[in-house]
C-alpha atoms as a PDB file:
ATOM      1  CA  MET A   1      23.554   3.087 -40.234  1.00  0.00           C
ATOM      2  CA  SER A   2      23.974   5.639 -43.093  1.00  0.00           C
ATOM      3  CA  ARG A   3      21.206   3.797 -45.088  1.00  0.00           C
ATOM      4  CA  LEU A   4      18.772   4.130 -42.266  1.00  0.00           C
ATOM      5  CA  TYR A   5      19.219   7.905 -42.059  1.00  0.00           C
ATOM      6  CA  GLU A   6      18.776   8.242 -45.968  1.00  0.00           C
ATOM      7  CA  ALA A   7      15.568   6.194 -45.623  1.00  0.00           C
ATOM      8  CA  LEU A   8      14.417   8.416 -42.834  1.00  0.00           C
ATOM      9  CA  ARG A   9      15.626  11.789 -44.397  1.00  0.00           C
ATOM     10  CA  LYS A  10      12.744  12.209 -46.843  1.00  0.00           C
ATOM     11  CA  SER A  11      10.177  11.733 -44.051  1.00  0.00           C
ATOM     12  CA  GLU A  12      12.181  14.281 -41.877  1.00  0.00           C
ATOM     13  CA  GLN A  13      12.212  16.750 -44.668  1.00  0.00           C
ATOM     14  CA  GLU A  14       8.541  16.432 -45.234  1.00  0.00           C
ATOM     15  CA  ASN A  15       7.870  17.105 -41.580  1.00  0.00           C
ATOM     16  CA  GLN A  16      10.196  19.992 -40.881  1.00  0.00           C
ATOM     17  CA  GLN A  17       7.394  22.592 -41.392  1.00  0.00           C
ATOM     18  CA  LYS A  18       5.501  20.657 -38.553  1.00  0.00           C
ATOM     19  CA  GLY A  19       8.258  21.085 -36.018  1.00  0.00           C
ATOM     20  CA  VAL A  20       9.743  17.492 -36.230  1.00  0.00           C
ATOM     21  CA  ALA A  21      12.930  16.678 -34.615  1.00  0.00           C
ATOM     22  CA  THR A  22      15.224  13.660 -34.607  1.00  0.00           C
ATOM     23  CA  SER A  23      17.310  12.403 -31.615  1.00  0.00           C
ATOM     24  CA  GLU A  24      19.869   9.741 -31.028  1.00  0.00           C
ATOM     25  CA  ALA A  25      18.357   8.790 -27.796  1.00  0.00           C
ATOM     26  CA  PRO A  26      15.537  10.858 -29.395  1.00  0.00           C
ATOM     27  CA  ARG A  27      -5.495  15.003 -30.853  1.00  0.00           C
ATOM     28  CA  PRO A  28      -7.428  12.872 -30.086  1.00  0.00           C
ATOM     29  CA  THR A  29      -9.226  12.681 -33.613  1.00  0.00           C
ATOM     30  CA  GLU A  30     -12.347  11.459 -35.251  1.00  0.00           C
ATOM     31  CA  VAL A  31     -13.552   8.185 -33.738  1.00  0.00           C
ATOM     32  CA  LEU A  32     -14.383   5.405 -36.072  1.00  0.00           C
ATOM     33  CA  SER A  33     -16.970   3.759 -33.923  1.00  0.00           C
ATOM     34  CA  THR A  34     -20.585   5.028 -34.153  1.00  0.00           C
ATOM     35  CA  ILE A  35     -21.526   3.657 -30.657  1.00  0.00           C
ATOM     36  CA  ALA A  36     -21.026   6.187 -28.011  1.00  0.00           C
ATOM     37  CA  PRO A  37     -21.639   4.949 -24.568  1.00  0.00           C
ATOM     38  CA  THR A  38     -21.479   7.019 -21.504  1.00  0.00           C
ATOM     39  CA  VAL A  39     -17.912   7.708 -20.250  1.00  0.00           C
ATOM     40  CA  MET A  40     -17.174   8.279 -16.815  1.00  0.00           C
ATOM     41  CA  ALA A  41     -14.689  11.110 -16.583  1.00  0.00           C
ATOM     42  CA  ALA A  42     -11.598  10.826 -14.234  1.00  0.00           C
ATOM     43  CA  THR A  43     -10.697  13.479 -11.663  1.00  0.00           C
ATOM     44  CA  PRO A  44      -7.445  14.521 -10.128  1.00  0.00           C
ATOM     45  CA  VAL A  45      -8.758  13.389  -6.709  1.00  0.00           C
ATOM     46  CA  GLU A  46      -9.255   9.944  -7.952  1.00  0.00           C
ATOM     47  CA  LEU A  47      -5.626   9.868  -9.222  1.00  0.00           C
ATOM     48  CA  GLU A  48      -4.395  10.951  -5.914  1.00  0.00           C
ATOM     49  CA  MET A  49      -6.373   8.033  -4.237  1.00  0.00           C
ATOM     50  CA  ALA A  50      -4.937   5.438  -6.768  1.00  0.00           C
ATOM     51  CA  LYS A  51      -3.411   2.267  -5.400  1.00  0.00           C
ATOM     52  CA  THR A  52       0.255   2.318  -5.223  1.00  0.00           C
ATOM     53  CA  VAL A  53       2.589  -0.458  -6.506  1.00  0.00           C
ATOM     54  CA  GLN A  54       6.166  -0.941  -5.717  1.00  0.00           C
ATOM     55  CA  PRO A  55       8.207  -1.845  -8.886  1.00  0.00           C
ATOM     56  CA  GLN A  56      10.567  -4.813  -8.310  1.00  0.00           C
ATOM     57  CA  VAL A  57      13.300  -4.009 -10.641  1.00  0.00           C
ATOM     58  CA  SER A  58      16.702  -5.501 -10.942  1.00  0.00           C
ATOM     59  CA  ALA A  59      19.934  -4.126 -12.491  1.00  0.00           C
ATOM     60  CA  GLU A  60      19.674  -6.807 -15.167  1.00  0.00           C
ATOM     61  CA  CYS A  61      16.433  -5.363 -16.704  1.00  0.00           C
ATOM     62  CA  HIS A  62      18.272  -2.167 -17.951  1.00  0.00           C
ATOM     63  CA  LEU A  63      15.861   0.192 -16.522  1.00  0.00           C
ATOM     64  CA  GLU A  64      18.679   2.635 -16.089  1.00  0.00           C
ATOM     65  CA  ALA A  65      16.659   5.676 -15.271  1.00  0.00           C
ATOM     66  CA  LEU A  66      15.417   4.006 -12.168  1.00  0.00           C
ATOM     67  CA  THR A  67      18.273   1.642 -11.086  1.00  0.00           C
ATOM     68  CA  ASP A  68      21.306   3.661 -12.201  1.00  0.00           C
ATOM     69  CA  PRO A  69      20.585   7.356 -12.798  1.00  0.00           C
ATOM     70  CA  HIS A  70      24.290   8.325 -13.108  1.00  0.00           C
ATOM     71  CA  SER A  71      24.899   5.958 -16.052  1.00  0.00           C
ATOM     72  CA  LEU A  72      25.445   7.061 -19.695  1.00  0.00           C
ATOM     73  CA  ALA A  73      22.106   5.542 -20.740  1.00  0.00           C
ATOM     74  CA  ALA A  74      20.224   7.443 -18.114  1.00  0.00           C
ATOM     75  CA  GLU A  75      21.951  10.700 -19.283  1.00  0.00           C
ATOM     76  CA  LYS A  76      20.833   9.953 -22.862  1.00  0.00           C
ATOM     77  CA  PHE A  77      17.151   9.798 -21.585  1.00  0.00           C
ATOM     78  CA  ARG A  78      17.551  13.131 -19.892  1.00  0.00           C
ATOM     79  CA  VAL A  79      18.828  14.504 -23.204  1.00  0.00           C
ATOM     80  CA  LEU A  80      15.661  13.089 -24.990  1.00  0.00           C
ATOM     81  CA  LEU A  81      13.417  14.682 -22.399  1.00  0.00           C
ATOM     82  CA  THR A  82      15.089  18.038 -22.921  1.00  0.00           C
ATOM     83  CA  ARG A  83      14.523  17.762 -26.816  1.00  0.00           C
ATOM     84  CA  LEU A  84      10.856  16.770 -26.301  1.00  0.00           C
ATOM     85  CA  ASP A  85      10.305  19.693 -23.931  1.00  0.00           C
ATOM     86  CA  ASN A  86      11.954  22.058 -26.411  1.00  0.00           C
ATOM     87  CA  LEU A  87       9.734  20.518 -29.203  1.00  0.00           C
ATOM     88  CA  ARG A  88       6.468  21.038 -27.224  1.00  0.00           C
ATOM     89  CA  GLY A  89       7.270  24.820 -27.142  1.00  0.00           C
ATOM     90  CA  GLN A  90       6.845  24.689 -31.055  1.00  0.00           C
ATOM     91  CA  ARG A  91       3.699  22.503 -31.197  1.00  0.00           C
ATOM     92  CA  GLU A  92       1.102  20.742 -29.035  1.00  0.00           C
ATOM     93  CA  LEU A  93       2.650  17.741 -27.649  1.00  0.00           C
ATOM     94  CA  LYS A  94       1.416  16.118 -24.365  1.00  0.00           C
ATOM     95  CA  SER A  95       1.066  12.669 -25.505  1.00  0.00           C
ATOM     96  CA  VAL A  96       3.399  10.372 -27.407  1.00  0.00           C
ATOM     97  CA  GLN A  97       3.298   6.753 -28.662  1.00  0.00           C
ATOM     98  CA  VAL A  98       6.692   4.921 -28.791  1.00  0.00           C
ATOM     99  CA  THR A  99       6.795   2.438 -31.584  1.00  0.00           C
ATOM    100  CA  SER A 100       9.236   0.583 -33.717  1.00  0.00           C
ATOM    101  CA  GLY A 101       9.572  -0.989 -37.231  1.00  0.00           C
ATOM    102  CA  VAL A 102       9.479  -4.471 -36.149  1.00  0.00           C
ATOM    103  CA  THR A 103       9.856  -6.536 -32.817  1.00  0.00           C
ATOM    104  CA  ASP A 104      12.760  -6.728 -30.504  1.00  0.00           C
ATOM    105  CA  GLU A 105      14.001  -3.087 -31.101  1.00  0.00           C
ATOM    106  CA  GLY A 106      13.574  -1.956 -27.449  1.00  0.00           C
ATOM    107  CA  LYS A 107      10.390   0.134 -27.653  1.00  0.00           C
ATOM    108  CA  THR A 108       9.074  -1.096 -24.294  1.00  0.00           C
ATOM    109  CA  LEU A 109      12.314  -0.315 -22.481  1.00  0.00           C
ATOM    110  CA  ILE A 110      12.579   3.019 -24.167  1.00  0.00           C
ATOM    111  CA  SER A 111       9.012   3.842 -23.104  1.00  0.00           C
ATOM    112  CA  ALA A 112       9.740   3.014 -19.358  1.00  0.00           C
ATOM    113  CA  ASN A 113      12.992   4.767 -19.117  1.00  0.00           C
ATOM    114  CA  LEU A 114      11.611   7.888 -20.749  1.00  0.00           C
ATOM    115  CA  ALA A 115       8.437   7.831 -18.402  1.00  0.00           C
ATOM    116  CA  VAL A 116      10.724   7.394 -15.235  1.00  0.00           C
ATOM    117  CA  THR A 117      12.986  10.151 -16.476  1.00  0.00           C
ATOM    118  CA  MET A 118      10.165  12.522 -16.977  1.00  0.00           C
ATOM    119  CA  ALA A 119       8.656  11.762 -13.509  1.00  0.00           C
ATOM    120  CA  ARG A 120      12.125  12.285 -11.846  1.00  0.00           C
ATOM    121  CA  HIS A 121      13.070  15.366 -13.548  1.00  0.00           C
ATOM    122  CA  SER A 122       9.866  17.270 -14.544  1.00  0.00           C
ATOM    123  CA  GLN A 123       8.188  16.703 -11.311  1.00  0.00           C
ATOM    124  CA  THR A 124       4.910  16.764 -12.976  1.00  0.00           C
ATOM    125  CA  ARG A 125       2.229  14.053 -13.433  1.00  0.00           C
ATOM    126  CA  ILE A 126       3.317  11.473 -15.851  1.00  0.00           C
ATOM    127  CA  LEU A 127       1.133   8.648 -17.284  1.00  0.00           C
ATOM    128  CA  LEU A 128       2.654   5.498 -18.753  1.00  0.00           C
ATOM    129  CA  VAL A 129       0.196   3.328 -20.833  1.00  0.00           C
ATOM    130  CA  GLU A 130       0.661  -0.424 -21.775  1.00  0.00           C
ATOM    131  CA  GLY A 131      -0.728   0.071 -25.204  1.00  0.00           C
ATOM    132  CA  ASP A 132       0.729  -2.985 -26.841  1.00  0.00           C
ATOM    133  CA  LEU A 133      -2.413  -5.143 -26.135  1.00  0.00           C
ATOM    134  CA  HIS A 134      -1.097  -7.863 -28.338  1.00  0.00           C
ATOM    135  CA  ASN A 135       2.045  -8.626 -26.323  1.00  0.00           C
ATOM    136  CA  PRO A 136       1.994  -6.340 -23.079  1.00  0.00           C
ATOM    137  CA  GLY A 137       5.601  -6.177 -21.557  1.00  0.00           C
ATOM    138  CA  LEU A 138       5.632  -3.209 -19.180  1.00  0.00           C
ATOM    139  CA  HIS A 139       4.339  -5.158 -16.256  1.00  0.00           C
ATOM    140  CA  SER A 140       7.131  -7.682 -16.431  1.00  0.00           C
ATOM    141  CA  LEU A 141       9.688  -4.921 -16.741  1.00  0.00           C
ATOM    142  CA  PHE A 142       8.467  -3.346 -13.485  1.00  0.00           C
ATOM    143  CA  GLY A 143       8.159  -6.825 -11.836  1.00  0.00           C
ATOM    144  CA  LEU A 144       4.513  -6.565 -11.467  1.00  0.00           C
ATOM    145  CA  SER A 145       2.034  -9.416 -12.016  1.00  0.00           C
ATOM    146  CA  ARG A 146      -1.746  -9.995 -11.948  1.00  0.00           C
ATOM    147  CA  VAL A 147      -2.363  -6.330 -12.341  1.00  0.00           C
ATOM    148  CA  LYS A 148      -5.839  -5.371 -13.732  1.00  0.00           C
ATOM    149  CA  GLY A 149      -6.099  -2.914 -16.388  1.00  0.00           C
ATOM    150  CA  ILE A 150      -7.477  -2.082 -19.869  1.00  0.00           C
ATOM    151  CA  CYS A 151      -8.843  -5.572 -20.433  1.00  0.00           C
ATOM    152  CA  GLN A 152     -11.029  -5.564 -17.149  1.00  0.00           C
ATOM    153  CA  TRP A 153     -12.160  -1.851 -17.755  1.00  0.00           C
ATOM    154  CA  TRP A 154     -13.364  -2.893 -21.160  1.00  0.00           C
ATOM    155  CA  ALA A 155     -15.367  -5.742 -19.743  1.00  0.00           C
ATOM    156  CA  ASP A 156     -17.026  -3.626 -17.277  1.00  0.00           C
ATOM    157  CA  PRO A 157     -18.611  -0.462 -18.868  1.00  0.00           C
ATOM    158  CA  LYS A 158     -19.564   0.712 -15.439  1.00  0.00           C
ATOM    159  CA  SER A 159     -16.081   0.966 -13.963  1.00  0.00           C
ATOM    160  CA  PRO A 160     -14.121   4.249 -14.268  1.00  0.00           C
ATOM    161  CA  ILE A 161     -10.743   3.959 -15.747  1.00  0.00           C
ATOM    162  CA  THR A 162      -9.122   5.260 -12.592  1.00  0.00           C
ATOM    163  CA  ASP A 163      -9.868   1.979 -10.937  1.00  0.00           C
ATOM    164  CA  PHE A 164      -7.267   0.464 -13.077  1.00  0.00           C
ATOM    165  CA  VAL A 165      -4.492   3.291 -12.890  1.00  0.00           C
ATOM    166  CA  TYR A 166      -1.651   2.667 -10.405  1.00  0.00           C
ATOM    167  CA  ARG A 167       0.989   4.905  -9.054  1.00  0.00           C
ATOM    168  CA  LEU A 168       4.528   3.562  -9.157  1.00  0.00           C
ATOM    169  CA  GLY A 169       6.304   3.957  -5.910  1.00  0.00           C
ATOM    170  CA  ASP A 170       6.738   7.434  -4.698  1.00  0.00           C
ATOM    171  CA  LEU A 171       7.364   9.035  -8.189  1.00  0.00           C
ATOM    172  CA  PRO A 172       4.719  11.238  -9.834  1.00  0.00           C
ATOM    173  CA  LEU A 173       4.270   8.415 -12.454  1.00  0.00           C
ATOM    174  CA  TRP A 174       0.973   6.682 -12.926  1.00  0.00           C
ATOM    175  CA  TYR A 175       0.643   3.362 -14.895  1.00  0.00           C
ATOM    176  CA  LEU A 176      -2.310   2.059 -16.936  1.00  0.00           C
ATOM    177  CA  PRO A 177      -1.653  -1.573 -17.662  1.00  0.00           C
ATOM    178  CA  ALA A 178      -2.957  -3.841 -20.367  1.00  0.00           C
ATOM    179  CA  GLY A 179      -4.365  -6.258 -17.809  1.00  0.00           C
ATOM    180  CA  GLY A 180      -3.875  -9.156 -20.298  1.00  0.00           C
ATOM    181  CA  ARG A 181      -3.635  -9.922 -23.975  1.00  0.00           C
ATOM    182  CA  PHE A 182      -6.113  -9.038 -26.568  1.00  0.00           C
ATOM    183  CA  ALA A 183      -6.406 -11.324 -29.701  1.00  0.00           C
ATOM    184  CA  GLU A 184      -8.225  -8.542 -31.623  1.00  0.00           C
ATOM    185  CA  PRO A 185      -7.818  -5.177 -29.772  1.00  0.00           C
ATOM    186  CA  GLY A 186      -8.775  -3.086 -32.868  1.00  0.00           C
ATOM    187  CA  ALA A 187     -12.311  -2.829 -31.723  1.00  0.00           C
ATOM    188  CA  LEU A 188     -11.464  -1.418 -28.320  1.00  0.00           C
ATOM    189  CA  LEU A 189      -8.884   1.063 -29.651  1.00  0.00           C
ATOM    190  CA  GLN A 190     -11.215   2.290 -32.280  1.00  0.00           C
ATOM    191  CA  SER A 191     -14.356   2.621 -30.034  1.00  0.00           C
ATOM    192  CA  SER A 192     -15.600   6.025 -29.016  1.00  0.00           C
ATOM    193  CA  ARG A 193     -15.669   4.954 -25.400  1.00  0.00           C
ATOM    194  CA  PHE A 194     -12.013   4.203 -25.375  1.00  0.00           C
ATOM    195  CA  ALA A 195     -11.093   7.406 -27.358  1.00  0.00           C
ATOM    196  CA  GLU A 196     -13.065   9.698 -25.032  1.00  0.00           C
ATOM    197  CA  THR A 197     -11.778   7.861 -21.878  1.00  0.00           C
ATOM    198  CA  PHE A 198      -8.168   8.104 -22.956  1.00  0.00           C
ATOM    199  CA  ALA A 199      -8.507  11.850 -23.895  1.00  0.00           C
ATOM    200  CA  GLN A 200     -10.083  12.629 -20.453  1.00  0.00           C
ATOM    201  CA  LEU A 201      -7.470  10.581 -18.628  1.00  0.00           C
ATOM    202  CA  ALA A 202      -4.507  12.010 -20.609  1.00  0.00           C
ATOM    203  CA  GLY A 203      -5.702  15.403 -19.920  1.00  0.00           C
ATOM    204  CA  LEU A 204      -5.117  15.132 -16.200  1.00  0.00           C
ATOM    205  CA  PHE A 205      -1.220  14.560 -16.939  1.00  0.00           C
ATOM    206  CA  ASP A 206       1.600  16.757 -18.153  1.00  0.00           C
ATOM    207  CA  TRP A 207       2.923  13.814 -20.338  1.00  0.00           C
ATOM    208  CA  THR A 208       1.418  10.620 -21.494  1.00  0.00           C
ATOM    209  CA  ILE A 209       3.759   7.946 -22.939  1.00  0.00           C
ATOM    210  CA  VAL A 210       2.107   4.994 -24.733  1.00  0.00           C
ATOM    211  CA  ASP A 211       4.172   1.858 -25.356  1.00  0.00           C
ATOM    212  CA  SER A 212       2.573   0.943 -28.503  1.00  0.00           C
ATOM    213  CA  THR A 213       2.917  -1.949 -31.100  1.00  0.00           C
ATOM    214  CA  PRO A 214       5.412  -2.240 -33.797  1.00  0.00           C
ATOM    215  CA  LEU A 215       4.349  -0.520 -36.966  1.00  0.00           C
ATOM    216  CA  LEU A 216       4.278  -3.818 -38.741  1.00  0.00           C
ATOM    217  CA  PRO A 217       2.355  -6.142 -39.130  1.00  0.00           C
ATOM    218  CA  MET A 218      -0.273  -4.859 -36.865  1.00  0.00           C
ATOM    219  CA  ALA A 219      -2.486  -1.688 -37.465  1.00  0.00           C
ATOM    220  CA  ASP A 220      -2.533  -0.752 -33.789  1.00  0.00           C
ATOM    221  CA  ALA A 221       0.101   1.791 -34.159  1.00  0.00           C
ATOM    222  CA  ASN A 222      -1.860   3.654 -36.735  1.00  0.00           C
ATOM    223  CA  ILE A 223      -4.899   3.718 -34.465  1.00  0.00           C
ATOM    224  CA  TRP A 224      -2.812   5.069 -31.547  1.00  0.00           C
ATOM    225  CA  ASN A 225      -1.441   7.625 -33.781  1.00  0.00           C
ATOM    226  CA  ARG A 226      -4.760   9.085 -34.200  1.00  0.00           C
ATOM    227  CA  LEU A 227      -5.152   9.349 -30.387  1.00  0.00           C
ATOM    228  CA  VAL A 228      -1.792  10.953 -29.463  1.00  0.00           C
ATOM    229  CA  ASP A 229       0.077  14.229 -30.521  1.00  0.00           C
ATOM    230  CA  GLY A 230       3.184  12.591 -31.665  1.00  0.00           C
ATOM    231  CA  THR A 231       5.116   9.323 -32.534  1.00  0.00           C
ATOM    232  CA  LEU A 232       8.601   8.437 -31.384  1.00  0.00           C
ATOM    233  CA  LEU A 233      10.185   5.752 -33.545  1.00  0.00           C
ATOM    234  CA  VAL A 234      12.696   3.418 -32.006  1.00  0.00           C
ATOM    235  CA  VAL A 235      15.153   1.716 -34.372  1.00  0.00           C
ATOM    236  CA  ARG A 236      17.947  -0.764 -33.305  1.00  0.00           C
ATOM    237  CA  GLU A 237      21.270  -0.992 -35.130  1.00  0.00           C
ATOM    238  CA  ASN A 238      21.527  -4.059 -37.259  1.00  0.00           C
ATOM    239  CA  VAL A 239      17.989  -5.134 -36.367  1.00  0.00           C
ATOM    240  CA  THR A 240      15.618  -2.790 -38.253  1.00  0.00           C
ATOM    241  CA  PRO A 241      15.180  -3.550 -41.992  1.00  0.00           C
ATOM    242  CA  ILE A 242      14.966  -0.149 -43.712  1.00  0.00           C
ATOM    243  CA  ASN A 243      12.020  -1.360 -45.921  1.00  0.00           C
ATOM    244  CA  SER A 244      10.094  -2.048 -42.748  1.00  0.00           C
ATOM    245  CA  ILE A 245      10.563   1.478 -41.502  1.00  0.00           C
ATOM    246  CA  LYS A 246       9.488   2.894 -44.759  1.00  0.00           C
ATOM    247  CA  LYS A 247       6.475   0.561 -45.091  1.00  0.00           C
ATOM    248  CA  GLY A 248       5.544   1.189 -41.599  1.00  0.00           C
ATOM    249  CA  LEU A 249       5.759   5.099 -41.713  1.00  0.00           C
ATOM    250  CA  GLU A 250       3.622   4.762 -45.004  1.00  0.00           C
ATOM    251  CA  SER A 251       1.037   2.840 -43.047  1.00  0.00           C
ATOM    252  CA  LEU A 252       0.372   5.790 -40.837  1.00  0.00           C
ATOM    253  CA  ASP A 253      -2.342   8.136 -41.833  1.00  0.00           C
ATOM    254  CA  ASP A 254      -0.286  11.035 -40.478  1.00  0.00           C
ATOM    255  CA  PRO A 255       2.999  10.092 -39.118  1.00  0.00           C
ATOM    256  CA  LYS A 256       3.390  12.889 -36.518  1.00  0.00           C
ATOM    257  CA  LEU A 257       6.943  11.783 -36.244  1.00  0.00           C
ATOM    258  CA  VAL A 258       8.517  13.817 -33.376  1.00  0.00           C
ATOM    259  CA  GLY A 259      11.844  11.865 -33.052  1.00  0.00           C
ATOM    260  CA  VAL A 260      13.826   8.843 -33.855  1.00  0.00           C
ATOM    261  CA  VAL A 261      15.654   6.949 -31.086  1.00  0.00           C
ATOM    262  CA  LEU A 262      18.695   4.948 -32.331  1.00  0.00           C
ATOM    263  CA  ASN A 263      18.983   2.223 -29.953  1.00  0.00           C
ATOM    264  CA  GLY A 264      22.077   0.161 -29.317  1.00  0.00           C
ATOM    265  CA  ALA A 265      24.441   2.219 -31.442  1.00  0.00           C
ATOM    266  CA  SER A 266      28.021   0.765 -31.582  1.00  0.00           C
ATOM    267  CA  GLU A 267      29.566   4.176 -31.683  1.00  0.00           C
ATOM    268  CA  PHE A 268      28.284   4.790 -28.117  1.00  0.00           C
ATOM    269  CA  ASP A 269      30.778   1.858 -26.945  1.00  0.00           C
ATOM    270  CA  ARG A 270      33.805   4.196 -27.451  1.00  0.00           C
ATOM    271  CA  ILE A 271      32.290   7.052 -25.326  1.00  0.00           C
ATOM    272  CA  GLY A 272      33.507   7.080 -21.689  1.00  0.00           C
ATOM    273  CA  TYR A 273      33.043  10.855 -20.953  1.00  0.00           C
ATOM    274  CA  TYR A 274      29.977  10.509 -18.905  1.00  0.00           C
ATOM    275  CA  ASP A 275      31.238   7.711 -16.792  1.00  0.00           C
ATOM    276  CA  GLN A 276      34.538   9.409 -16.078  1.00  0.00           C
ATOM    277  CA  TYR A 277      32.582  12.602 -15.242  1.00  0.00           C
ATOM    278  CA  TYR A 278      30.305  11.067 -12.700  1.00  0.00           C
ATOM    279  CA  SER A 279      33.244   8.918 -11.331  1.00  0.00           C
ATOM    280  CA  SER A 280      35.389  11.998 -10.803  1.00  0.00           C
ATOM    281  CA  ARG A 281      32.578  13.821  -9.037  1.00  0.00           C
ATOM    282  CA  ASN A 282      32.330  10.861  -6.570  1.00  0.00           C
ATOM    283  CA  GLY A 283      36.250  10.808  -6.245  1.00  0.00           C
ATOM    284  CA  SER A 284      36.516   7.160  -7.508  1.00  0.00           C
ATOM    285  CA  LYS A 285      38.734   6.035 -10.359  1.00  0.00           C
ATOM    286  CA  LYS A 286      37.883   2.342 -10.056  1.00  0.00           C
ATOM    287  CA  ASN A 287      34.478   2.842 -11.892  1.00  0.00           C
ATOM    288  CA  GLN A 288      35.466   5.163 -14.622  1.00  0.00           C
ATOM    289  CA  ALA A 289      34.791   2.602 -17.378  1.00  0.00           C
ATOM    290  CA  LYS A 290      32.035   0.787 -15.541  1.00  0.00           C
ATOM    291  CA  ASP A 291      29.454   1.417 -18.232  1.00  0.00           C
ATOM    292  CA  LYS A 292      30.921   1.759 -21.842  1.00  0.00           C
ATOM    293  CA  ALA A 293      27.786   1.422 -23.743  1.00  0.00           C
ATOM    294  CA  ALA A 294      24.555   3.508 -23.995  1.00  0.00           C
ATOM    295  CA  GLU A 295      22.617   0.737 -25.527  1.00  0.00           C
ATOM    296  CA  VAL A 296      19.530  -0.468 -23.773  1.00  0.00           C
ATOM    297  CA  HIS A 297      17.761  -3.831 -24.381  1.00  0.00           C
ATOM    298  CA  GLU A 298      14.080  -4.822 -24.139  1.00  0.00           C
END
């Protein structure tokens, strides 16, 4: 993956003065629309009254932060959380979009694992947004179906956004689903109604994680980039074309790159330290090599 790092090095160097960091595991702005409908602000009380849904997650889905918190993969997400916490001490950072160069790089699974990790270890309010309105996948990952969300909120200007925010189990984690597919979500994302609502909603949380679209070929990631404080880029070994990464980053008005998650790195296959550590703590030698890889799959 040395060529990948060479391709990203220039972008990293340009952003060093902005407090940008890279990781193995790893303002709201001007609105384009001139229409400004009345936006109903959300309140903390409404969040506490949000409907609770129970995730139906199996081990095969690789949501390690939820199903196997002692695994090496789960540990990597805790490391990523620590790095993001350290970074927010240097700059404003409360909302992050998770994107990738192309499809099938694991951005949705990274988003979900990171949000669950934040909820479990920071003990503060976390919001997870299904921001890929072309191809939403978070609801399937959590085993949820027929969940209303952004699509239904957009169709009913009188409904508050909190009507479509759900709490996931007993975690301090709230979830705003897409509610369906959008053929052309650009009008929604660029509207002042959505920008103002998203800013108000995100303001109620300590962290907001947006599972965005890939950088190419859609423009959605660039629109989300204007609404969040930072961008976390997911790249998968032997999948991500270097040219796609370069072109994708160039498509962003201001990349706000806060980190790079190297997903499915083969060198992790040879690391058994964490599994041995947790196994020894539990007094068991049978499971020392249970989990050899840190890779996660979408």
